[in-house]
Every structure is written in structure tokens, then in C-alpha cells.
Amino acid sequence: MITLNNVSKRFGEVTALDGVDLTVERGEVFGILGRSGAGKSTLLRLLNRLADPDEGVVSVDGTDLAGLSGRALREQRRKSAMIFQHFNLLSNRTALSNVSLPLRLENTLILSRRARATERERALELLERVGLSDKAKAYPGQLSGGQRQRLAIARALATEPEILLSDEATSALDAETTDEILTLLQGLNEDLGLTIVLITHELEVIAQICHRAAVMETGRVVETGRVADLLADPGSRLGSGARRAAERLLGGKGGADASVLAGTAAEEVR
């Protein structure tokens, strides 16, 4: 569904992306793992053409995004939505109004009461979908971090996108809330066939939800594959990262016990 061919992006003398090749299949959850500065966010911005590559091609469903403009570009952007680490909600609008806003923008030329009623009905359905049906009249400042991220997800779904882009969406949340948000995203992927591309610096996020993943370092994709296969391979970056995490859980003992834990994680992903 999404293809990057030899994509590079520079900001002055800084190379953010350096010859990236990547493919995301329709209906999968694809994770991009890397430290700060690895190029993850820049890559994500190319996928809905908030930025253009200096070299290479970014295509969605076989269409080169760089060749789109005007209405065609708007239609393509409508097919994707983004959620962020810090939610990006409008603080002076209720939860219902935040979710309704994308629908209102779509219907700016339709001012009938019926159109407004349809917006409200759709927004209420989405709030129920993310477990916030009782928070329709609440403002973002009255919600917990997890509830705000649920609200941001509901807003992202308002225009029925085919692709959901997640920019470190769980980084500001505690472990329990992160699990809840990832479970919600997994359900949306399974129930709606939503293609999800998420970037993160947390191995646990990749292991919990992603079908395939890529590891980025200094603007390059250095590893890609099925998450279960990468976790099971102690020579891979994901596999060695899982082993180190297991060693920390075991208090630094390492050895066979750490390998067992890392292997168990791989089996759970399978």
C-alpha cells in the first residue's frame, strides 16, 4: 500500500533520511523503531505529504504523492490521519466538538440541519467506539492522558481514513495506559482493516502490536522484517534489544534465562 523507493531528505547540511527503501502492506500494523534523531518523524511526514523528499519516490496505492496537487492531494490526504504524542486537541472545545470538527470542515458547504445532525451522530458513534461515550460534554483539560489520546484517535477516525499514522502516540503515557491504547489500536486494525504506521523508541510497543517493523539509525533503515522473526533472532537489533530488556528484568543475570524470556516474547507475537 505504501512504498518508499530510495528516499532521501535533507535539512541544510543535515541528512534526515538517506536512501530509505520501505514497503507497508495494506491492513498491517507497521512499526518504525529508532532513537531520537533517527529520522522517524521525517519519514512519517512524507507519508501524508507534509514534506516532500529531495530524492526518491513516496507512493500510496501506486500513486506518486509528489505528482499530486489541488483536489487530488486533498483527497489523498483525506485517506490518512495522524495521532500525536501530545494529542493536539482544541482545549476550548468539548470532546464531541473535537471529534465533530473534521466532519464540519468536510461539510462547510452543507449547512442544513440534517448535515449537522449527521455530524453529531457520527461523532457520538466514534466516542462510543473509543470508550468515551460518557465524556461527550467534557473538555480536554478534564480528561486523563489516556482519555485524551482516545479522543484524539476518535477525531482521527472521523473522516474514515484508510491509514492511521501514529507519531510516538504512547510516549507520554504510563505503562498501563499504553497497553490500553495499543489494545484499542489493535482492535481498530482488526475490525476496520485500518493500516497503521507507528513510530516509537519503545521496543515493547513494537512487540505488542506490530506485524512487521523497521529499525532506523541516522536516517537509514538498518533492519526490517516480521516482528516475531526479528525477536527470535538474537543477532537482530530487535532480538538483541529484547534480550537486554529480559536481562534487566532478571537483574542483569542474562544467560539462558534471558534467552527464554526473549523467545517467549517472540512466541507471543506469533
C-alpha atoms as a PDB file:
ATOM      1  CA  MET A   1       0.000   0.000   0.000  1.00  0.00           C
ATOM      2  CA  ILE A   2       2.822   2.409   0.930  1.00  0.00           C
ATOM      3  CA  THR A   3       6.177   2.304  -0.823  1.00  0.00           C
ATOM      4  CA  LEU A   4       9.324   4.368  -0.376  1.00  0.00           C
ATOM      5  CA  ASN A   5      11.985   3.942  -3.037  1.00  0.00           C
ATOM      6  CA  ASN A   6      15.478   5.347  -2.371  1.00  0.00           C
ATOM      7  CA  VAL A   7      14.038   8.272  -0.414  1.00  0.00           C
ATOM      8  CA  SER A   8      16.340  10.980   0.962  1.00  0.00           C
ATOM      9  CA  LYS A   9      15.524  14.191   2.803  1.00  0.00           C
ATOM     10  CA  ARG A  10      17.936  16.892   3.905  1.00  0.00           C
ATOM     11  CA  PHE A  11      17.583  19.988   6.056  1.00  0.00           C
ATOM     12  CA  GLY A  12      20.551  22.159   5.186  1.00  0.00           C
ATOM     13  CA  GLU A  13      23.640  20.091   5.903  1.00  0.00           C
ATOM     14  CA  VAL A  14      21.717  17.570   7.993  1.00  0.00           C
ATOM     15  CA  THR A  15      20.595  14.374   6.244  1.00  0.00           C
ATOM     16  CA  ALA A  16      17.395  13.228   7.944  1.00  0.00           C
ATOM     17  CA  LEU A  17      16.708  10.333   5.550  1.00  0.00           C
ATOM     18  CA  ASP A  18      19.366   8.616   3.481  1.00  0.00           C
ATOM     19  CA  GLY A  19      18.259   6.254   0.705  1.00  0.00           C
ATOM     20  CA  VAL A  20      15.294   4.695   2.521  1.00  0.00           C
ATOM     21  CA  ASP A  21      13.503   1.730   0.918  1.00  0.00           C
ATOM     22  CA  LEU A  22      10.354   0.553   2.695  1.00  0.00           C
ATOM     23  CA  THR A  23       7.039  -1.156   1.974  1.00  0.00           C
ATOM     24  CA  VAL A  24       3.928  -1.225   4.164  1.00  0.00           C
ATOM     25  CA  GLU A  25       1.232  -3.712   3.207  1.00  0.00           C
ATOM     26  CA  ARG A  26      -2.470  -2.880   3.311  1.00  0.00           C
ATOM     27  CA  GLY A  27      -4.121  -3.809   6.611  1.00  0.00           C
ATOM     28  CA  GLU A  28      -0.953  -4.350   8.644  1.00  0.00           C
ATOM     29  CA  VAL A  29       0.409  -2.610  11.711  1.00  0.00           C
ATOM     30  CA  PHE A  30       3.915  -1.498  10.789  1.00  0.00           C
ATOM     31  CA  GLY A  31       6.286  -0.147  13.416  1.00  0.00           C
ATOM     32  CA  ILE A  32       9.331   2.063  12.941  1.00  0.00           C
ATOM     33  CA  LEU A  33      11.731   1.877  15.865  1.00  0.00           C
ATOM     34  CA  GLY A  34      14.569   4.278  16.485  1.00  0.00           C
ATOM     35  CA  ARG A  35      16.133   6.742  18.849  1.00  0.00           C
ATOM     36  CA  SER A  36      15.566  10.491  18.722  1.00  0.00           C
ATOM     37  CA  GLY A  37      17.133  11.887  15.552  1.00  0.00           C
ATOM     38  CA  ALA A  38      16.949   8.599  13.638  1.00  0.00           C
ATOM     39  CA  GLY A  39      14.621  10.138  11.016  1.00  0.00           C
ATOM     40  CA  LYS A  40      11.352   8.525  12.122  1.00  0.00           C
ATOM     41  CA  SER A  41       9.215  11.669  12.295  1.00  0.00           C
ATOM     42  CA  THR A  42      10.560  12.983   8.999  1.00  0.00           C
ATOM     43  CA  LEU A  43       9.632   9.698   7.331  1.00  0.00           C
ATOM     44  CA  LEU A  44       6.119   9.863   8.782  1.00  0.00           C
ATOM     45  CA  ARG A  45       5.612  13.409   7.463  1.00  0.00           C
ATOM     46  CA  LEU A  46       6.422  12.208   3.944  1.00  0.00           C
ATOM     47  CA  LEU A  47       3.575   9.692   4.068  1.00  0.00           C
ATOM     48  CA  ASN A  48       0.841  12.343   4.026  1.00  0.00           C
ATOM     49  CA  ARG A  49       2.990  14.843   2.145  1.00  0.00           C
ATOM     50  CA  LEU A  50       3.519  17.324   4.914  1.00  0.00           C
ATOM     51  CA  ALA A  51       7.029  17.244   3.452  1.00  0.00           C
ATOM     52  CA  ASP A  52       8.491  16.177   0.103  1.00  0.00           C
ATOM     53  CA  PRO A  53      11.596  14.033  -0.413  1.00  0.00           C
ATOM     54  CA  ASP A  54      14.658  15.585  -2.002  1.00  0.00           C
ATOM     55  CA  GLU A  55      15.261  12.314  -3.834  1.00  0.00           C
ATOM     56  CA  GLY A  56      13.293   9.135  -4.400  1.00  0.00           C
ATOM     57  CA  VAL A  57       9.590   8.341  -4.605  1.00  0.00           C
ATOM     58  CA  VAL A  58       6.894   8.032  -1.935  1.00  0.00           C
ATOM     59  CA  SER A  59       3.799   6.297  -3.309  1.00  0.00           C
ATOM     60  CA  VAL A  60       0.467   5.181  -1.879  1.00  0.00           C
ATOM     61  CA  ASP A  61      -1.563   2.631  -3.837  1.00  0.00           C
ATOM     62  CA  GLY A  62       0.835   3.128  -6.718  1.00  0.00           C
ATOM     63  CA  THR A  63       0.379   6.913  -6.849  1.00  0.00           C
ATOM     64  CA  ASP A  64       3.460   9.111  -6.515  1.00  0.00           C
ATOM     65  CA  LEU A  65       2.494  11.689  -3.868  1.00  0.00           C
ATOM     66  CA  ALA A  66       4.821  14.290  -5.368  1.00  0.00           C
ATOM     67  CA  GLY A  67       2.671  14.352  -8.508  1.00  0.00           C
ATOM     68  CA  LEU A  68      -0.495  15.365  -6.672  1.00  0.00           C
ATOM     69  CA  SER A  69      -1.829  18.865  -6.182  1.00  0.00           C
ATOM     70  CA  GLY A  70      -5.091  20.654  -5.523  1.00  0.00           C
ATOM     71  CA  ARG A  71      -8.130  18.435  -5.145  1.00  0.00           C
ATOM     72  CA  ALA A  72      -6.222  15.206  -5.823  1.00  0.00           C
ATOM     73  CA  LEU A  73      -3.817  15.980  -2.987  1.00  0.00           C
ATOM     74  CA  ARG A  74      -6.681  16.831  -0.627  1.00  0.00           C
ATOM     75  CA  GLU A  75      -8.407  13.561  -1.471  1.00  0.00           C
ATOM     76  CA  GLN A  76      -5.208  11.616  -0.849  1.00  0.00           C
ATOM     77  CA  ARG A  77      -4.618  13.338   2.499  1.00  0.00           C
ATOM     78  CA  ARG A  78      -8.190  12.539   3.478  1.00  0.00           C
ATOM     79  CA  LYS A  79      -7.266   8.851   3.289  1.00  0.00           C
ATOM     80  CA  SER A  80      -4.759   9.223   6.109  1.00  0.00           C
ATOM     81  CA  ALA A  81      -4.973  10.617   9.639  1.00  0.00           C
ATOM     82  CA  MET A  82      -2.410  11.228  12.355  1.00  0.00           C
ATOM     83  CA  ILE A  83      -2.273  10.980  16.142  1.00  0.00           C
ATOM     84  CA  PHE A  84       0.444  12.622  18.206  1.00  0.00           C
ATOM     85  CA  GLN A  85       2.305  12.288  21.489  1.00  0.00           C
ATOM     86  CA  HIS A  86       0.719  15.459  22.898  1.00  0.00           C
ATOM     87  CA  PHE A  87      -2.784  14.863  21.499  1.00  0.00           C
ATOM     88  CA  ASN A  88      -3.165  18.254  19.655  1.00  0.00           C
ATOM     89  CA  LEU A  89      -6.758  18.701  20.826  1.00  0.00           C
ATOM     90  CA  LEU A  90      -8.597  22.037  20.936  1.00  0.00           C
ATOM     91  CA  SER A  91      -8.821  22.931  24.624  1.00  0.00           C
ATOM     92  CA  ASN A  92     -11.816  25.255  24.204  1.00  0.00           C
ATOM     93  CA  ARG A  93     -13.967  22.584  22.553  1.00  0.00           C
ATOM     94  CA  THR A  94     -15.762  19.656  24.149  1.00  0.00           C
ATOM     95  CA  ALA A  95     -14.897  16.075  23.291  1.00  0.00           C
ATOM     96  CA  LEU A  96     -17.920  15.919  20.985  1.00  0.00           C
ATOM     97  CA  SER A  97     -16.909  19.147  19.260  1.00  0.00           C
ATOM     98  CA  ASN A  98     -13.298  17.999  18.819  1.00  0.00           C
ATOM     99  CA  VAL A  99     -14.465  14.860  17.028  1.00  0.00           C
ATOM    100  CA  SER A 100     -17.073  16.762  15.001  1.00  0.00           C
ATOM    101  CA  LEU A 101     -14.601  19.351  13.717  1.00  0.00           C
ATOM    102  CA  PRO A 102     -13.113  17.291  10.823  1.00  0.00           C
ATOM    103  CA  LEU A 103     -16.653  16.468   9.709  1.00  0.00           C
ATOM    104  CA  ARG A 104     -17.635  20.134   9.918  1.00  0.00           C
ATOM    105  CA  LEU A 105     -14.656  21.104   7.766  1.00  0.00           C
ATOM    106  CA  GLU A 106     -15.673  18.489   5.212  1.00  0.00           C
ATOM    107  CA  ASN A 107     -19.234  19.824   5.149  1.00  0.00           C
ATOM    108  CA  THR A 108     -18.543  23.551   5.027  1.00  0.00           C
ATOM    109  CA  LEU A 109     -20.862  23.906   2.030  1.00  0.00           C
ATOM    110  CA  ILE A 110     -23.635  21.834   3.612  1.00  0.00           C
ATOM    111  CA  LEU A 111     -25.361  23.973   6.208  1.00  0.00           C
ATOM    112  CA  SER A 112     -28.600  22.029   6.602  1.00  0.00           C
ATOM    113  CA  ARG A 113     -29.809  20.814   9.975  1.00  0.00           C
ATOM    114  CA  ARG A 114     -29.680  17.278   8.617  1.00  0.00           C
ATOM    115  CA  ALA A 115     -25.959  17.607   7.888  1.00  0.00           C
ATOM    116  CA  ARG A 116     -25.301  18.938  11.403  1.00  0.00           C
ATOM    117  CA  ALA A 117     -27.327  16.089  12.920  1.00  0.00           C
ATOM    118  CA  THR A 118     -25.327  13.556  10.896  1.00  0.00           C
ATOM    119  CA  GLU A 119     -22.069  15.076  12.168  1.00  0.00           C
ATOM    120  CA  ARG A 120     -23.251  14.759  15.757  1.00  0.00           C
ATOM    121  CA  GLU A 121     -24.417  11.172  15.273  1.00  0.00           C
ATOM    122  CA  ARG A 122     -21.100  10.143  13.701  1.00  0.00           C
ATOM    123  CA  ALA A 123     -19.113  11.872  16.456  1.00  0.00           C
ATOM    124  CA  LEU A 124     -21.129  10.153  19.179  1.00  0.00           C
ATOM    125  CA  GLU A 125     -20.554   6.780  17.499  1.00  0.00           C
ATOM    126  CA  LEU A 126     -16.804   7.390  17.475  1.00  0.00           C
ATOM    127  CA  LEU A 127     -16.745   8.448  21.120  1.00  0.00           C
ATOM    128  CA  GLU A 128     -18.518   5.213  21.979  1.00  0.00           C
ATOM    129  CA  ARG A 129     -16.038   3.289  19.828  1.00  0.00           C
ATOM    130  CA  VAL A 130     -13.096   4.555  21.896  1.00  0.00           C
ATOM    131  CA  GLY A 131     -14.864   4.196  25.248  1.00  0.00           C
ATOM    132  CA  LEU A 132     -15.701   7.870  25.834  1.00  0.00           C
ATOM    133  CA  SER A 133     -19.464   7.934  25.322  1.00  0.00           C
ATOM    134  CA  ASP A 134     -19.886   9.442  28.806  1.00  0.00           C
ATOM    135  CA  LYS A 135     -17.353  12.237  28.140  1.00  0.00           C
ATOM    136  CA  ALA A 136     -19.064  13.978  25.209  1.00  0.00           C
ATOM    137  CA  LYS A 137     -19.503  17.241  27.121  1.00  0.00           C
ATOM    138  CA  ALA A 138     -16.092  17.163  28.830  1.00  0.00           C
ATOM    139  CA  TYR A 139     -13.215  19.412  27.772  1.00  0.00           C
ATOM    140  CA  PRO A 140      -9.716  18.008  27.138  1.00  0.00           C
ATOM    141  CA  GLY A 141      -8.439  19.573  30.362  1.00  0.00           C
ATOM    142  CA  GLN A 142     -10.953  17.476  32.299  1.00  0.00           C
ATOM    143  CA  LEU A 143      -9.695  14.208  30.835  1.00  0.00           C
ATOM    144  CA  SER A 144      -6.776  11.965  31.778  1.00  0.00           C
ATOM    145  CA  GLY A 145      -3.869  11.462  29.388  1.00  0.00           C
ATOM    146  CA  GLY A 146      -5.256   8.139  28.202  1.00  0.00           C
ATOM    147  CA  GLN A 147      -8.702   9.612  27.669  1.00  0.00           C
ATOM    148  CA  ARG A 148      -7.232  12.487  25.670  1.00  0.00           C
ATOM    149  CA  GLN A 149      -5.392  10.046  23.430  1.00  0.00           C
ATOM    150  CA  ARG A 150      -8.620   8.086  22.944  1.00  0.00           C
ATOM    151  CA  LEU A 151     -10.299  11.333  21.984  1.00  0.00           C
ATOM    152  CA  ALA A 152      -7.509  12.104  19.520  1.00  0.00           C
ATOM    153  CA  ILE A 153      -7.985   8.651  17.965  1.00  0.00           C
ATOM    154  CA  ALA A 154     -11.742   9.219  17.661  1.00  0.00           C
ATOM    155  CA  ARG A 155     -11.095  12.548  15.931  1.00  0.00           C
ATOM    156  CA  ALA A 156      -8.613  10.887  13.557  1.00  0.00           C
ATOM    157  CA  LEU A 157     -11.241   8.310  12.584  1.00  0.00           C
ATOM    158  CA  ALA A 158     -13.902  10.915  11.806  1.00  0.00           C
ATOM    159  CA  THR A 159     -13.197  11.048   8.072  1.00  0.00           C
ATOM    160  CA  GLU A 160     -12.899   7.246   7.774  1.00  0.00           C
ATOM    161  CA  PRO A 161      -9.216   7.130   6.809  1.00  0.00           C
ATOM    162  CA  GLU A 162      -7.546   4.053   5.356  1.00  0.00           C
ATOM    163  CA  ILE A 163      -4.197   4.817   7.028  1.00  0.00           C
ATOM    164  CA  LEU A 164      -3.519   5.902  10.608  1.00  0.00           C
ATOM    165  CA  LEU A 165      -0.117   7.453  11.318  1.00  0.00           C
ATOM    166  CA  SER A 166       0.991   7.395  14.951  1.00  0.00           C
ATOM    167  CA  ASP A 167       3.766   9.785  15.991  1.00  0.00           C
ATOM    168  CA  GLU A 168       5.005   8.491  19.382  1.00  0.00           C
ATOM    169  CA  ALA A 169       1.354   8.415  20.470  1.00  0.00           C
ATOM    170  CA  THR A 170       2.013   6.458  23.687  1.00  0.00           C
ATOM    171  CA  SER A 171       5.269   8.087  24.783  1.00  0.00           C
ATOM    172  CA  ALA A 172       3.567  10.445  27.266  1.00  0.00           C
ATOM    173  CA  LEU A 173       1.502   7.669  28.872  1.00  0.00           C
ATOM    174  CA  ASP A 174       2.193   5.265  31.721  1.00  0.00           C
ATOM    175  CA  ALA A 175       2.619   1.548  31.044  1.00  0.00           C
ATOM    176  CA  GLU A 176      -0.958   0.523  31.876  1.00  0.00           C
ATOM    177  CA  THR A 177      -2.498   3.295  29.775  1.00  0.00           C
ATOM    178  CA  THR A 178      -0.100   2.496  26.926  1.00  0.00           C
ATOM    179  CA  ASP A 179      -1.373  -1.096  26.937  1.00  0.00           C
ATOM    180  CA  GLU A 180      -4.961   0.161  26.756  1.00  0.00           C
ATOM    181  CA  ILE A 181      -4.235   2.465  23.804  1.00  0.00           C
ATOM    182  CA  LEU A 182      -2.333  -0.250  21.939  1.00  0.00           C
ATOM    183  CA  THR A 183      -5.202  -2.691  22.514  1.00  0.00           C
ATOM    184  CA  LEU A 184      -7.578  -0.090  21.079  1.00  0.00           C
ATOM    185  CA  LEU A 185      -5.381   0.403  18.007  1.00  0.00           C
ATOM    186  CA  GLN A 186      -5.091  -3.347  17.532  1.00  0.00           C
ATOM    187  CA  GLY A 187      -8.878  -3.633  17.627  1.00  0.00           C
ATOM    188  CA  LEU A 188      -9.258  -0.879  15.033  1.00  0.00           C
ATOM    189  CA  ASN A 189      -6.773  -2.654  12.790  1.00  0.00           C
ATOM    190  CA  GLU A 190      -8.629  -5.947  13.072  1.00  0.00           C
ATOM    191  CA  ASP A 191     -12.196  -4.607  12.902  1.00  0.00           C
ATOM    192  CA  LEU A 192     -11.784  -1.863  10.298  1.00  0.00           C
ATOM    193  CA  GLY A 193      -8.841  -3.192   8.308  1.00  0.00           C
ATOM    194  CA  LEU A 194      -7.062   0.047   9.154  1.00  0.00           C
ATOM    195  CA  THR A 195      -3.435   0.231   8.056  1.00  0.00           C
ATOM    196  CA  ILE A 196      -1.376   1.635  10.937  1.00  0.00           C
ATOM    197  CA  VAL A 197       2.136   3.028  10.717  1.00  0.00           C
ATOM    198  CA  LEU A 198       3.560   3.925  14.092  1.00  0.00           C
ATOM    199  CA  ILE A 199       6.895   5.333  15.118  1.00  0.00           C
ATOM    200  CA  THR A 200       8.304   4.768  18.567  1.00  0.00           C
ATOM    201  CA  HIS A 201      11.502   4.435  20.549  1.00  0.00           C
ATOM    202  CA  GLU A 202       9.929   1.725  22.727  1.00  0.00           C
ATOM    203  CA  LEU A 203      10.637  -1.900  21.825  1.00  0.00           C
ATOM    204  CA  GLU A 204       7.671  -3.021  23.936  1.00  0.00           C
ATOM    205  CA  VAL A 205       5.269  -1.125  21.664  1.00  0.00           C
ATOM    206  CA  ILE A 206       6.658  -2.853  18.584  1.00  0.00           C
ATOM    207  CA  ALA A 207       6.478  -6.274  20.221  1.00  0.00           C
ATOM    208  CA  GLN A 208       2.915  -5.820  21.448  1.00  0.00           C
ATOM    209  CA  ILE A 209       1.108  -4.609  18.364  1.00  0.00           C
ATOM    210  CA  CYS A 210       3.153  -4.678  15.146  1.00  0.00           C
ATOM    211  CA  HIS A 211       3.093  -7.337  12.439  1.00  0.00           C
ATOM    212  CA  ARG A 212       6.288  -6.075  10.814  1.00  0.00           C
ATOM    213  CA  ALA A 213       8.820  -3.451  11.794  1.00  0.00           C
ATOM    214  CA  ALA A 214      11.823  -1.485  10.634  1.00  0.00           C
ATOM    215  CA  VAL A 215      14.715  -0.213  12.731  1.00  0.00           C
ATOM    216  CA  MET A 216      16.161   3.191  11.836  1.00  0.00           C
ATOM    217  CA  GLU A 217      19.558   4.628  12.680  1.00  0.00           C
ATOM    218  CA  THR A 218      20.865   8.021  11.487  1.00  0.00           C
ATOM    219  CA  GLY A 219      18.386   8.292   8.642  1.00  0.00           C
ATOM    220  CA  ARG A 220      18.752   4.736   7.336  1.00  0.00           C
ATOM    221  CA  VAL A 221      16.618   1.613   7.646  1.00  0.00           C
ATOM    222  CA  VAL A 222      19.082  -0.910   9.039  1.00  0.00           C
ATOM    223  CA  GLU A 223      16.684  -3.793   9.635  1.00  0.00           C
ATOM    224  CA  THR A 224      13.195  -4.815   8.594  1.00  0.00           C
ATOM    225  CA  GLY A 225      11.048  -7.928   8.832  1.00  0.00           C
ATOM    226  CA  ARG A 226       8.319  -9.764  10.713  1.00  0.00           C
ATOM    227  CA  VAL A 227       8.422  -8.807  14.370  1.00  0.00           C
ATOM    228  CA  ALA A 228       8.260 -12.414  15.570  1.00  0.00           C
ATOM    229  CA  ASP A 229      11.200 -13.396  13.363  1.00  0.00           C
ATOM    230  CA  LEU A 230      13.303 -10.417  14.437  1.00  0.00           C
ATOM    231  CA  LEU A 231      12.615 -11.013  18.127  1.00  0.00           C
ATOM    232  CA  ALA A 232      13.553 -14.677  17.768  1.00  0.00           C
ATOM    233  CA  ASP A 233      16.883 -13.795  16.126  1.00  0.00           C
ATOM    234  CA  PRO A 234      19.440 -12.846  18.808  1.00  0.00           C
ATOM    235  CA  GLY A 235      21.629 -11.335  16.091  1.00  0.00           C
ATOM    236  CA  SER A 236      18.972  -8.819  15.024  1.00  0.00           C
ATOM    237  CA  ARG A 237      18.656  -5.414  16.613  1.00  0.00           C
ATOM    238  CA  LEU A 238      15.137  -6.231  17.834  1.00  0.00           C
ATOM    239  CA  GLY A 239      16.254  -9.601  19.150  1.00  0.00           C
ATOM    240  CA  SER A 240      19.280  -8.208  20.971  1.00  0.00           C
ATOM    241  CA  GLY A 241      17.127  -5.403  22.366  1.00  0.00           C
ATOM    242  CA  ALA A 242      14.622  -7.938  23.692  1.00  0.00           C
ATOM    243  CA  ARG A 243      17.446  -9.902  25.287  1.00  0.00           C
ATOM    244  CA  ARG A 244      18.799  -6.785  27.024  1.00  0.00           C
ATOM    245  CA  ALA A 245      15.303  -5.969  28.279  1.00  0.00           C
ATOM    246  CA  ALA A 246      14.973  -9.515  29.608  1.00  0.00           C
ATOM    247  CA  GLU A 247      18.328  -9.204  31.362  1.00  0.00           C
ATOM    248  CA  ARG A 248      17.138  -6.035  33.085  1.00  0.00           C
ATOM    249  CA  LEU A 249      14.055  -7.873  34.304  1.00  0.00           C
ATOM    250  CA  LEU A 250      16.303 -10.615  35.665  1.00  0.00           C
ATOM    251  CA  GLY A 251      18.515  -8.133  37.455  1.00  0.00           C
ATOM    252  CA  GLY A 252      21.397  -8.397  34.978  1.00  0.00           C
ATOM    253  CA  LYS A 253      21.795 -12.188  35.159  1.00  0.00           C
ATOM    254  CA  GLY A 254      21.458 -12.709  31.415  1.00  0.00           C
ATOM    255  CA  GLY A 255      22.331 -16.124  30.003  1.00  0.00           C
ATOM    256  CA  ALA A 256      19.787 -18.799  29.247  1.00  0.00           C
ATOM    257  CA  ASP A 257      17.010 -17.226  31.326  1.00  0.00           C
ATOM    258  CA  ALA A 258      17.156 -14.013  29.286  1.00  0.00           C
ATOM    259  CA  SER A 259      17.045 -16.019  26.067  1.00  0.00           C
ATOM    260  CA  VAL A 260      13.954 -17.859  27.306  1.00  0.00           C
ATOM    261  CA  LEU A 261      12.176 -14.589  28.080  1.00  0.00           C
ATOM    262  CA  ALA A 262      13.087 -13.096  24.708  1.00  0.00           C
ATOM    263  CA  GLY A 263      11.936 -16.293  22.981  1.00  0.00           C
ATOM    264  CA  THR A 264       8.658 -16.205  24.897  1.00  0.00           C
ATOM    265  CA  ALA A 265       8.052 -12.653  23.644  1.00  0.00           C
ATOM    266  CA  ALA A 266       8.595 -13.825  20.076  1.00  0.00           C
ATOM    267  CA  GLU A 267       6.142 -16.691  20.512  1.00  0.00           C
ATOM    268  CA  GLU A 268       3.501 -14.336  21.927  1.00  0.00           C
ATOM    269  CA  VAL A 269       3.847 -12.125  18.840  1.00  0.00           C
ATOM    270  CA  ARG A 270       3.448 -15.135  16.563  1.00  0.00           C
END
